[in-house]
């Protein structure tokens, strides 16, 4: 719940409005909104939907020229054969025009239920140490599988989990994606 709350309180939030998170009649139909309090800073919203095997189902971009507050950006209305693709992961990102990513979130859609999410293929991930200092570690996590790695939690050998704060520790990684996770030790 902590990481979901952290994302919900981000200065930029891309949200998808949907009543059920179910793919009905082989159609993923949702409204896309951007909520932000960054003043004049604007950017691009990217939506990318993947099947669990890593296949890109569709991609959409919306230019953010809004001011502060909540703005309706558009609608996703895509045909998806929910019998062939029972689980869809929709990745939403907002990047400022200068290229710095400010927000990323994943929404999970199912056909009639989410039971297939418990039967996804196992994935292999690797972690690489990028930075180590007195009270901070930064690691880069890579999904080396061809499938999407759903709901990853990091646990590093030799790191005492007490008083450790992760920048994110419950995330989904597309194949070959390279998110960076920072660990901060609080005394």
C-alpha atoms as a PDB file:
ATOM      1  CA  UNK A   1       0.000   0.000   0.000  1.00  0.00           C
ATOM      2  CA  UNK A   2       2.911   2.350   0.713  1.00  0.00           C
ATOM      3  CA  UNK A   3       4.187   2.398  -2.893  1.00  0.00           C
ATOM      4  CA  UNK A   4       0.681   2.902  -4.306  1.00  0.00           C
ATOM      5  CA  UNK A   5       0.167   5.820  -1.916  1.00  0.00           C
ATOM      6  CA  UNK A   6       3.533   7.287  -2.898  1.00  0.00           C
ATOM      7  CA  UNK A   7       2.565   7.193  -6.596  1.00  0.00           C
ATOM      8  CA  UNK A   8      -0.874   8.662  -5.881  1.00  0.00           C
ATOM      9  CA  UNK A   9       0.827  11.620  -4.175  1.00  0.00           C
ATOM     10  CA  UNK A  10       3.278  12.239  -7.016  1.00  0.00           C
ATOM     11  CA  UNK A  11       3.259  15.766  -8.496  1.00  0.00           C
ATOM     12  CA  UNK A  12       2.208  14.131 -11.791  1.00  0.00           C
ATOM     13  CA  UNK A  13      -0.305  11.271 -12.002  1.00  0.00           C
ATOM     14  CA  UNK A  14      -1.506   9.580 -15.191  1.00  0.00           C
ATOM     15  CA  UNK A  15      -4.726   7.733 -14.467  1.00  0.00           C
ATOM     16  CA  UNK A  16      -7.011   5.519 -16.475  1.00  0.00           C
ATOM     17  CA  UNK A  17     -10.706   5.606 -15.664  1.00  0.00           C
ATOM     18  CA  UNK A  18     -12.390   2.271 -16.015  1.00  0.00           C
ATOM     19  CA  UNK A  19     -15.306   0.694 -14.217  1.00  0.00           C
ATOM     20  CA  UNK A  20     -14.029  -2.857 -13.974  1.00  0.00           C
ATOM     21  CA  UNK A  21     -10.480  -3.337 -15.318  1.00  0.00           C
ATOM     22  CA  UNK A  22     -12.007  -6.122 -17.406  1.00  0.00           C
ATOM     23  CA  UNK A  23     -11.654  -6.390 -21.191  1.00  0.00           C
ATOM     24  CA  UNK A  24     -15.314  -6.492 -22.244  1.00  0.00           C
ATOM     25  CA  UNK A  25     -16.420  -7.647 -25.697  1.00  0.00           C
ATOM     26  CA  UNK A  26     -12.754  -7.868 -26.754  1.00  0.00           C
ATOM     27  CA  UNK A  27     -12.331  -4.109 -26.294  1.00  0.00           C
ATOM     28  CA  UNK A  28     -10.161  -2.181 -23.865  1.00  0.00           C
ATOM     29  CA  UNK A  29     -12.067   1.079 -23.481  1.00  0.00           C
ATOM     30  CA  UNK A  30     -10.865   3.645 -20.944  1.00  0.00           C
ATOM     31  CA  UNK A  31     -10.450   7.393 -20.485  1.00  0.00           C
ATOM     32  CA  UNK A  32      -6.977   8.821 -19.795  1.00  0.00           C
ATOM     33  CA  UNK A  33      -6.443  11.710 -17.373  1.00  0.00           C
ATOM     34  CA  UNK A  34      -3.437  13.705 -16.220  1.00  0.00           C
ATOM     35  CA  UNK A  35      -3.382  15.330 -12.801  1.00  0.00           C
ATOM     36  CA  UNK A  36      -0.435  17.530 -11.918  1.00  0.00           C
ATOM     37  CA  UNK A  37       0.725  20.380  -9.752  1.00  0.00           C
ATOM     38  CA  UNK A  38       4.020  21.190 -11.479  1.00  0.00           C
ATOM     39  CA  UNK A  39       3.023  24.660 -12.640  1.00  0.00           C
ATOM     40  CA  UNK A  40       4.047  25.365 -16.220  1.00  0.00           C
ATOM     41  CA  UNK A  41       6.155  22.213 -16.726  1.00  0.00           C
ATOM     42  CA  UNK A  42       4.629  20.213 -19.569  1.00  0.00           C
ATOM     43  CA  UNK A  43       5.436  16.969 -21.326  1.00  0.00           C
ATOM     44  CA  UNK A  44       4.214  13.868 -23.111  1.00  0.00           C
ATOM     45  CA  UNK A  45       2.041  11.042 -21.791  1.00  0.00           C
ATOM     46  CA  UNK A  46       2.856   7.635 -23.278  1.00  0.00           C
ATOM     47  CA  UNK A  47       0.533   4.650 -23.007  1.00  0.00           C
ATOM     48  CA  UNK A  48       1.876   1.202 -23.923  1.00  0.00           C
ATOM     49  CA  UNK A  49      -0.099  -2.029 -23.570  1.00  0.00           C
ATOM     50  CA  UNK A  50       1.718  -5.355 -23.401  1.00  0.00           C
ATOM     51  CA  UNK A  51       0.551  -8.937 -23.366  1.00  0.00           C
ATOM     52  CA  UNK A  52       2.182 -11.049 -20.644  1.00  0.00           C
ATOM     53  CA  UNK A  53       4.567 -12.488 -23.255  1.00  0.00           C
ATOM     54  CA  UNK A  54       5.978  -8.991 -23.901  1.00  0.00           C
ATOM     55  CA  UNK A  55       4.171  -8.397 -27.203  1.00  0.00           C
ATOM     56  CA  UNK A  56       3.256  -4.735 -27.665  1.00  0.00           C
ATOM     57  CA  UNK A  57      -0.507  -4.567 -28.284  1.00  0.00           C
ATOM     58  CA  UNK A  58      -0.763  -0.821 -28.847  1.00  0.00           C
ATOM     59  CA  UNK A  59       0.939   2.471 -28.055  1.00  0.00           C
ATOM     60  CA  UNK A  60      -0.538   5.954 -27.755  1.00  0.00           C
ATOM     61  CA  UNK A  61       0.906   9.374 -26.997  1.00  0.00           C
ATOM     62  CA  UNK A  62      -0.839  12.468 -25.697  1.00  0.00           C
ATOM     63  CA  UNK A  63       0.847  15.864 -25.573  1.00  0.00           C
ATOM     64  CA  UNK A  64       0.444  17.605 -22.231  1.00  0.00           C
ATOM     65  CA  UNK A  65      -0.176  21.309 -22.753  1.00  0.00           C
ATOM     66  CA  UNK A  66      -2.428  21.675 -19.730  1.00  0.00           C
ATOM     67  CA  UNK A  67      -2.037  23.820 -16.657  1.00  0.00           C
ATOM     68  CA  UNK A  68      -2.236  22.559 -13.077  1.00  0.00           C
ATOM     69  CA  UNK A  69      -5.177  20.360 -12.132  1.00  0.00           C
ATOM     70  CA  UNK A  70      -6.834  17.389 -13.840  1.00  0.00           C
ATOM     71  CA  UNK A  71      -7.105  17.240 -17.617  1.00  0.00           C
ATOM     72  CA  UNK A  72      -8.891  14.706 -19.817  1.00  0.00           C
ATOM     73  CA  UNK A  73      -6.373  13.650 -22.478  1.00  0.00           C
ATOM     74  CA  UNK A  74      -8.364  11.191 -24.567  1.00  0.00           C
ATOM     75  CA  UNK A  75      -9.779   7.691 -24.802  1.00  0.00           C
ATOM     76  CA  UNK A  76      -8.207   4.300 -25.343  1.00  0.00           C
ATOM     77  CA  UNK A  77     -10.487   2.152 -27.479  1.00  0.00           C
ATOM     78  CA  UNK A  78      -8.518  -0.867 -28.674  1.00  0.00           C
ATOM     79  CA  UNK A  79      -9.598  -4.313 -29.839  1.00  0.00           C
ATOM     80  CA  UNK A  80      -7.925  -7.143 -27.910  1.00  0.00           C
ATOM     81  CA  UNK A  81      -8.836 -10.812 -28.260  1.00  0.00           C
ATOM     82  CA  UNK A  82      -9.268 -11.549 -24.559  1.00  0.00           C
ATOM     83  CA  UNK A  83      -9.456 -15.304 -25.221  1.00  0.00           C
ATOM     84  CA  UNK A  84      -5.946 -15.250 -26.717  1.00  0.00           C
ATOM     85  CA  UNK A  85      -4.585 -12.511 -24.413  1.00  0.00           C
ATOM     86  CA  UNK A  86      -6.207 -12.948 -20.980  1.00  0.00           C
ATOM     87  CA  UNK A  87      -3.954 -10.442 -19.140  1.00  0.00           C
ATOM     88  CA  UNK A  88      -2.927  -6.990 -20.416  1.00  0.00           C
ATOM     89  CA  UNK A  89      -0.526  -4.617 -18.672  1.00  0.00           C
ATOM     90  CA  UNK A  90      -1.019  -0.940 -19.558  1.00  0.00           C
ATOM     91  CA  UNK A  91       2.059   1.154 -18.758  1.00  0.00           C
ATOM     92  CA  UNK A  92       1.468   4.903 -18.354  1.00  0.00           C
ATOM     93  CA  UNK A  93       4.365   7.356 -18.237  1.00  0.00           C
ATOM     94  CA  UNK A  94       4.696  11.116 -18.199  1.00  0.00           C
ATOM     95  CA  UNK A  95       7.958  12.653 -19.397  1.00  0.00           C
ATOM     96  CA  UNK A  96       8.714  16.338 -19.327  1.00  0.00           C
ATOM     97  CA  UNK A  97       9.767  17.826 -22.652  1.00  0.00           C
ATOM     98  CA  UNK A  98      13.358  17.937 -21.360  1.00  0.00           C
ATOM     99  CA  UNK A  99      13.284  14.099 -21.200  1.00  0.00           C
ATOM    100  CA  UNK A 100      13.161  13.555 -17.424  1.00  0.00           C
ATOM    101  CA  UNK A 101      10.551  10.936 -16.481  1.00  0.00           C
ATOM    102  CA  UNK A 102       8.402  12.158 -13.636  1.00  0.00           C
ATOM    103  CA  UNK A 103       5.763   9.464 -13.352  1.00  0.00           C
ATOM    104  CA  UNK A 104       5.249   5.814 -14.282  1.00  0.00           C
ATOM    105  CA  UNK A 105       2.458   3.418 -13.353  1.00  0.00           C
ATOM    106  CA  UNK A 106       1.031   0.126 -14.601  1.00  0.00           C
ATOM    107  CA  UNK A 107      -2.616  -0.908 -14.750  1.00  0.00           C
ATOM    108  CA  UNK A 108      -3.614  -4.561 -15.019  1.00  0.00           C
ATOM    109  CA  UNK A 109      -6.566  -5.680 -17.150  1.00  0.00           C
ATOM    110  CA  UNK A 110      -8.060  -9.181 -17.305  1.00  0.00           C
ATOM    111  CA  UNK A 111     -10.592 -10.949 -19.507  1.00  0.00           C
ATOM    112  CA  UNK A 112     -13.319 -12.163 -17.104  1.00  0.00           C
ATOM    113  CA  UNK A 113     -11.146 -12.422 -14.013  1.00  0.00           C
ATOM    114  CA  UNK A 114      -7.573 -11.926 -12.958  1.00  0.00           C
ATOM    115  CA  UNK A 115      -6.912 -15.614 -12.232  1.00  0.00           C
ATOM    116  CA  UNK A 116      -4.522 -15.823 -15.203  1.00  0.00           C
ATOM    117  CA  UNK A 117      -2.267 -13.280 -13.462  1.00  0.00           C
ATOM    118  CA  UNK A 118      -1.411 -16.003 -10.918  1.00  0.00           C
ATOM    119  CA  UNK A 119      -0.337 -18.368 -13.708  1.00  0.00           C
ATOM    120  CA  UNK A 120       1.996 -16.116 -15.687  1.00  0.00           C
ATOM    121  CA  UNK A 121       5.346 -17.579 -16.762  1.00  0.00           C
ATOM    122  CA  UNK A 122       8.220 -17.123 -14.332  1.00  0.00           C
ATOM    123  CA  UNK A 123      10.674 -14.399 -15.249  1.00  0.00           C
ATOM    124  CA  UNK A 124      14.328 -13.874 -14.521  1.00  0.00           C
ATOM    125  CA  UNK A 125      15.623 -10.506 -13.404  1.00  0.00           C
ATOM    126  CA  UNK A 126      19.133  -9.254 -12.732  1.00  0.00           C
ATOM    127  CA  UNK A 127      20.314  -6.446 -10.490  1.00  0.00           C
ATOM    128  CA  UNK A 128      23.412  -4.326 -11.040  1.00  0.00           C
ATOM    129  CA  UNK A 129      24.920  -2.040  -8.394  1.00  0.00           C
ATOM    130  CA  UNK A 130      25.229   1.519  -9.749  1.00  0.00           C
ATOM    131  CA  UNK A 131      26.095   3.502  -6.630  1.00  0.00           C
ATOM    132  CA  UNK A 132      27.128   2.695  -3.088  1.00  0.00           C
ATOM    133  CA  UNK A 133      27.752   5.256  -0.384  1.00  0.00           C
ATOM    134  CA  UNK A 134      27.491   5.460   3.392  1.00  0.00           C
ATOM    135  CA  UNK A 135      23.698   5.352   3.534  1.00  0.00           C
ATOM    136  CA  UNK A 136      22.561   4.846  -0.074  1.00  0.00           C
ATOM    137  CA  UNK A 137      22.559   2.094  -2.701  1.00  0.00           C
ATOM    138  CA  UNK A 138      21.291   2.459  -6.256  1.00  0.00           C
ATOM    139  CA  UNK A 139      20.614  -0.647  -8.289  1.00  0.00           C
ATOM    140  CA  UNK A 140      19.462  -1.146 -11.843  1.00  0.00           C
ATOM    141  CA  UNK A 141      17.012  -4.003 -12.281  1.00  0.00           C
ATOM    142  CA  UNK A 142      16.711  -5.711 -15.673  1.00  0.00           C
ATOM    143  CA  UNK A 143      14.091  -8.173 -16.840  1.00  0.00           C
ATOM    144  CA  UNK A 144      16.114 -10.584 -18.994  1.00  0.00           C
ATOM    145  CA  UNK A 145      13.053 -12.722 -19.795  1.00  0.00           C
ATOM    146  CA  UNK A 146      10.864 -12.374 -22.864  1.00  0.00           C
ATOM    147  CA  UNK A 147       7.777 -12.096 -20.609  1.00  0.00           C
ATOM    148  CA  UNK A 148       6.606  -9.202 -18.460  1.00  0.00           C
ATOM    149  CA  UNK A 149       7.774  -9.570 -14.844  1.00  0.00           C
ATOM    150  CA  UNK A 150       4.710  -8.712 -12.745  1.00  0.00           C
ATOM    151  CA  UNK A 151       4.896  -7.289  -9.195  1.00  0.00           C
ATOM    152  CA  UNK A 152       8.638  -7.451  -8.525  1.00  0.00           C
ATOM    153  CA  UNK A 153       9.957  -6.908  -4.998  1.00  0.00           C
ATOM    154  CA  UNK A 154      13.667  -6.488  -4.403  1.00  0.00           C
ATOM    155  CA  UNK A 155      15.455  -8.245  -1.582  1.00  0.00           C
ATOM    156  CA  UNK A 156      19.210  -7.898  -1.593  1.00  0.00           C
ATOM    157  CA  UNK A 157      21.433 -10.493   0.040  1.00  0.00           C
ATOM    158  CA  UNK A 158      23.571  -9.057   2.808  1.00  0.00           C
ATOM    159  CA  UNK A 159      21.367  -5.962   3.248  1.00  0.00           C
ATOM    160  CA  UNK A 160      19.603  -5.640   6.590  1.00  0.00           C
ATOM    161  CA  UNK A 161      16.008  -4.687   5.692  1.00  0.00           C
ATOM    162  CA  UNK A 162      15.484  -2.813   8.966  1.00  0.00           C
ATOM    163  CA  UNK A 163      15.389   0.947   8.483  1.00  0.00           C
ATOM    164  CA  UNK A 164      15.699   0.644   4.692  1.00  0.00           C
ATOM    165  CA  UNK A 165      13.600   2.880   2.456  1.00  0.00           C
ATOM    166  CA  UNK A 166      13.205   1.797  -1.211  1.00  0.00           C
ATOM    167  CA  UNK A 167      12.401   4.380  -3.885  1.00  0.00           C
ATOM    168  CA  UNK A 168      10.074   1.708  -5.301  1.00  0.00           C
ATOM    169  CA  UNK A 169       9.819  -1.931  -4.334  1.00  0.00           C
ATOM    170  CA  UNK A 170       6.680  -3.229  -5.953  1.00  0.00           C
ATOM    171  CA  UNK A 171       6.781  -2.776  -9.685  1.00  0.00           C
ATOM    172  CA  UNK A 172       6.320  -4.461 -13.048  1.00  0.00           C
ATOM    173  CA  UNK A 173       9.106  -4.657 -15.627  1.00  0.00           C
ATOM    174  CA  UNK A 174       8.674  -5.105 -19.372  1.00  0.00           C
ATOM    175  CA  UNK A 175      11.296  -7.224 -21.157  1.00  0.00           C
ATOM    176  CA  UNK A 176      14.682  -5.444 -21.316  1.00  0.00           C
ATOM    177  CA  UNK A 177      13.393  -2.505 -19.266  1.00  0.00           C
ATOM    178  CA  UNK A 178      15.949  -1.030 -16.841  1.00  0.00           C
ATOM    179  CA  UNK A 179      14.344   0.704 -13.840  1.00  0.00           C
ATOM    180  CA  UNK A 180      16.636   2.103 -11.164  1.00  0.00           C
ATOM    181  CA  UNK A 181      15.782   1.483  -7.507  1.00  0.00           C
ATOM    182  CA  UNK A 182      17.443   3.436  -4.719  1.00  0.00           C
ATOM    183  CA  UNK A 183      17.756   2.173  -1.164  1.00  0.00           C
ATOM    184  CA  UNK A 184      18.261   4.688   1.613  1.00  0.00           C
ATOM    185  CA  UNK A 185      19.263   3.592   5.096  1.00  0.00           C
ATOM    186  CA  UNK A 186      17.629   5.672   7.795  1.00  0.00           C
ATOM    187  CA  UNK A 187      19.435   5.625  11.126  1.00  0.00           C
END
